[in-house]
Structure formats: structure tokens, C-alpha cells
């Protein structure tokens, strides 16, 4: 399986040499941190609607 995927596994080698590291372009990471921060304050949720209120406020 690895031999068949060699071109996919080595795709990073096609990037320009002056770039020393590949940065993450994942826009969900900061959003997840904000949701975790907002829900961590409450800590305990009685039902799913109680969880959706602070998480929904961050997402909006």
C-alpha cells in the first residue's frame, strides 16, 4: 500500500525550497479552542440544549 501511495506521501517535496516548514491551514483549530474555552467555564451541562447555547453563541 505504501509503494502505491509513494507520490502522495512525497507530495511535500514539490513545495519551494525556501519554505522551511509547512504550516497548518486548518481554520477549525481556533474555533475549537473558543468552543472549548466557552464550555469549560460551565463545566457541567444538564442536557444537550444547555450545551448548544454557549457553543452556538461562539459559532454565530
N, C-alpha and C. Protein backbone atom coordinates (compact mmCIF):
# COMPACT_ATOMS: atom_id res chain seq x y z
N UNK A 1 0.83 -1.18 0.00
CA UNK A 1 0.00 0.00 0.00
C UNK A 1 0.88 1.25 0.00
N UNK A 2 1.97 1.24 0.78
CA UNK A 2 2.85 2.40 0.81
C UNK A 2 3.55 2.61 -0.53
N UNK A 3 3.92 1.54 -1.19
CA UNK A 3 4.57 1.68 -2.50
C UNK A 3 3.61 2.31 -3.51
N UNK A 4 2.35 1.95 -3.45
CA UNK A 4 1.37 2.51 -4.37
C UNK A 4 1.08 3.98 -4.08
N UNK A 5 1.29 4.42 -2.85
CA UNK A 5 0.99 5.79 -2.46
C UNK A 5 2.24 6.66 -2.38
N UNK A 6 3.32 6.26 -3.00
CA UNK A 6 4.58 7.00 -2.91
C UNK A 6 4.42 8.44 -3.37
N UNK A 7 3.74 8.67 -4.47
CA UNK A 7 3.59 10.04 -4.98
C UNK A 7 2.80 10.91 -4.00
N UNK A 8 1.81 10.34 -3.36
CA UNK A 8 1.04 11.11 -2.38
C UNK A 8 1.85 11.38 -1.12
N UNK A 9 2.62 10.41 -0.69
CA UNK A 9 3.40 10.58 0.53
C UNK A 9 4.54 11.58 0.36
N UNK A 10 5.05 11.70 -0.85
CA UNK A 10 6.17 12.61 -1.10
C UNK A 10 5.72 13.91 -1.76
N UNK A 11 4.45 14.23 -1.69
CA UNK A 11 3.93 15.45 -2.32
C UNK A 11 4.54 16.71 -1.72
N UNK A 12 4.94 16.66 -0.44
CA UNK A 12 5.53 17.84 0.19
C UNK A 12 6.84 18.24 -0.48
N UNK A 13 7.50 17.32 -1.15
CA UNK A 13 8.78 17.62 -1.79
C UNK A 13 8.62 18.57 -2.97
N UNK A 14 7.41 18.75 -3.47
CA UNK A 14 7.17 19.67 -4.59
C UNK A 14 7.05 21.12 -4.16
N UNK A 15 7.01 21.39 -2.85
CA UNK A 15 6.93 22.76 -2.38
C UNK A 15 8.26 23.47 -2.61
N UNK A 16 8.25 24.81 -2.72
CA UNK A 16 9.51 25.54 -2.91
C UNK A 16 10.47 25.31 -1.74
N UNK A 17 11.76 25.36 -2.05
CA UNK A 17 12.78 25.05 -1.04
C UNK A 17 12.87 26.13 0.02
N UNK A 18 12.61 27.40 -0.31
CA UNK A 18 12.77 28.48 0.66
C UNK A 18 11.79 28.37 1.82
N UNK A 19 10.77 27.58 1.66
CA UNK A 19 9.80 27.40 2.75
C UNK A 19 10.30 26.26 3.64
N UNK A 20 10.61 26.59 4.89
CA UNK A 20 11.25 25.60 5.75
C UNK A 20 10.27 24.66 6.43
N UNK A 21 9.02 25.08 6.62
CA UNK A 21 8.06 24.18 7.22
C UNK A 21 6.68 24.43 6.62
N UNK A 22 5.88 23.40 6.64
CA UNK A 22 4.52 23.51 6.13
C UNK A 22 3.62 23.90 7.29
N UNK A 23 2.93 25.00 7.14
CA UNK A 23 2.06 25.47 8.21
C UNK A 23 0.67 24.91 8.04
N UNK A 24 0.01 24.72 9.14
CA UNK A 24 -1.35 24.20 9.11
C UNK A 24 -2.30 25.28 8.64
N UNK A 25 -3.18 24.92 7.76
CA UNK A 25 -4.18 25.85 7.27
C UNK A 25 -5.55 25.43 7.78
N UNK A 26 -5.59 24.78 8.92
CA UNK A 26 -6.83 24.27 9.45
C UNK A 26 -7.55 25.39 10.20
N UNK A 27 -8.62 25.95 9.61
CA UNK A 27 -9.33 27.05 10.28
C UNK A 27 -10.18 26.58 11.45
N UNK A 28 -10.34 25.29 11.62
CA UNK A 28 -11.17 24.78 12.72
C UNK A 28 -10.45 24.78 14.05
N UNK A 29 -9.13 24.81 14.06
CA UNK A 29 -8.40 24.76 15.32
C UNK A 29 -8.73 25.94 16.24
N UNK A 30 -8.67 27.20 15.77
CA UNK A 30 -9.03 28.30 16.66
C UNK A 30 -10.50 28.26 17.08
N UNK A 31 -11.36 27.81 16.17
CA UNK A 31 -12.78 27.72 16.50
C UNK A 31 -13.02 26.69 17.60
N UNK A 32 -12.36 25.55 17.49
CA UNK A 32 -12.49 24.52 18.53
C UNK A 32 -11.97 25.01 19.87
N UNK A 33 -10.89 25.79 19.85
CA UNK A 33 -10.35 26.33 21.10
C UNK A 33 -11.34 27.28 21.76
N UNK A 34 -12.02 28.11 20.95
CA UNK A 34 -13.01 29.03 21.50
C UNK A 34 -14.20 28.29 22.08
N UNK A 35 -14.67 27.25 21.38
CA UNK A 35 -15.79 26.46 21.90
C UNK A 35 -15.39 25.77 23.19
N UNK A 36 -14.20 25.19 23.23
CA UNK A 36 -13.73 24.54 24.45
C UNK A 36 -13.60 25.53 25.61
N UNK A 37 -13.11 26.72 25.31
CA UNK A 37 -12.96 27.74 26.35
C UNK A 37 -14.32 28.16 26.89
N UNK A 38 -15.30 28.34 25.99
CA UNK A 38 -16.63 28.75 26.42
C UNK A 38 -17.37 27.68 27.19
N UNK A 39 -17.19 26.43 26.82
CA UNK A 39 -17.88 25.35 27.52
C UNK A 39 -17.14 24.93 28.79
N UNK A 40 -15.87 25.20 28.88
CA UNK A 40 -15.09 24.84 30.07
C UNK A 40 -15.53 25.68 31.28
N UNK A 41 -15.99 26.90 31.03
CA UNK A 41 -16.43 27.77 32.12
C UNK A 41 -17.61 27.15 32.85
N UNK A 42 -18.55 26.59 32.07
CA UNK A 42 -19.74 25.98 32.67
C UNK A 42 -19.39 24.65 33.31
N UNK A 43 -18.72 23.79 32.57
CA UNK A 43 -18.23 22.54 33.11
C UNK A 43 -19.22 21.40 33.09
N UNK A 44 -20.47 21.63 33.49
CA UNK A 44 -21.46 20.55 33.57
C UNK A 44 -22.73 21.01 32.86
N UNK A 45 -23.21 20.21 31.94
CA UNK A 45 -24.40 20.54 31.19
C UNK A 45 -25.51 19.56 31.53
N UNK A 46 -26.68 20.07 31.79
CA UNK A 46 -27.80 19.22 32.18
C UNK A 46 -28.38 18.44 31.01
N UNK A 47 -28.36 19.03 29.83
CA UNK A 47 -28.89 18.36 28.64
C UNK A 47 -28.19 18.92 27.41
N UNK A 48 -28.53 18.40 26.25
CA UNK A 48 -27.85 18.82 25.02
C UNK A 48 -28.18 20.26 24.64
N UNK A 49 -29.38 20.73 24.98
CA UNK A 49 -29.73 22.12 24.68
C UNK A 49 -28.86 23.09 25.48
N UNK A 50 -28.55 22.71 26.72
CA UNK A 50 -27.69 23.55 27.55
C UNK A 50 -26.28 23.63 26.98
N UNK A 51 -25.83 22.58 26.32
CA UNK A 51 -24.51 22.60 25.68
C UNK A 51 -24.53 23.43 24.40
N UNK A 52 -25.62 23.37 23.67
CA UNK A 52 -25.69 24.08 22.39
C UNK A 52 -25.74 25.60 22.55
N UNK A 53 -26.24 26.09 23.67
CA UNK A 53 -26.32 27.54 23.84
C UNK A 53 -24.95 28.22 23.82
N UNK A 54 -23.99 27.85 24.68
CA UNK A 54 -22.68 28.53 24.62
C UNK A 54 -21.89 28.18 23.35
N UNK A 55 -21.98 26.93 22.91
CA UNK A 55 -21.26 26.55 21.70
C UNK A 55 -21.85 27.28 20.49
N UNK A 56 -23.16 27.38 20.43
CA UNK A 56 -23.82 28.10 19.33
C UNK A 56 -23.49 29.58 19.34
N UNK A 57 -23.37 30.16 20.53
CA UNK A 57 -23.01 31.59 20.62
C UNK A 57 -21.62 31.83 20.03
N UNK A 58 -20.70 30.94 20.29
CA UNK A 58 -19.35 31.09 19.73
C UNK A 58 -19.39 30.91 18.22
N UNK A 59 -20.15 29.94 17.74
CA UNK A 59 -20.21 29.67 16.31
C UNK A 59 -20.89 30.79 15.54
N UNK A 60 -21.86 31.44 16.14
CA UNK A 60 -22.56 32.55 15.47
C UNK A 60 -21.63 33.73 15.38
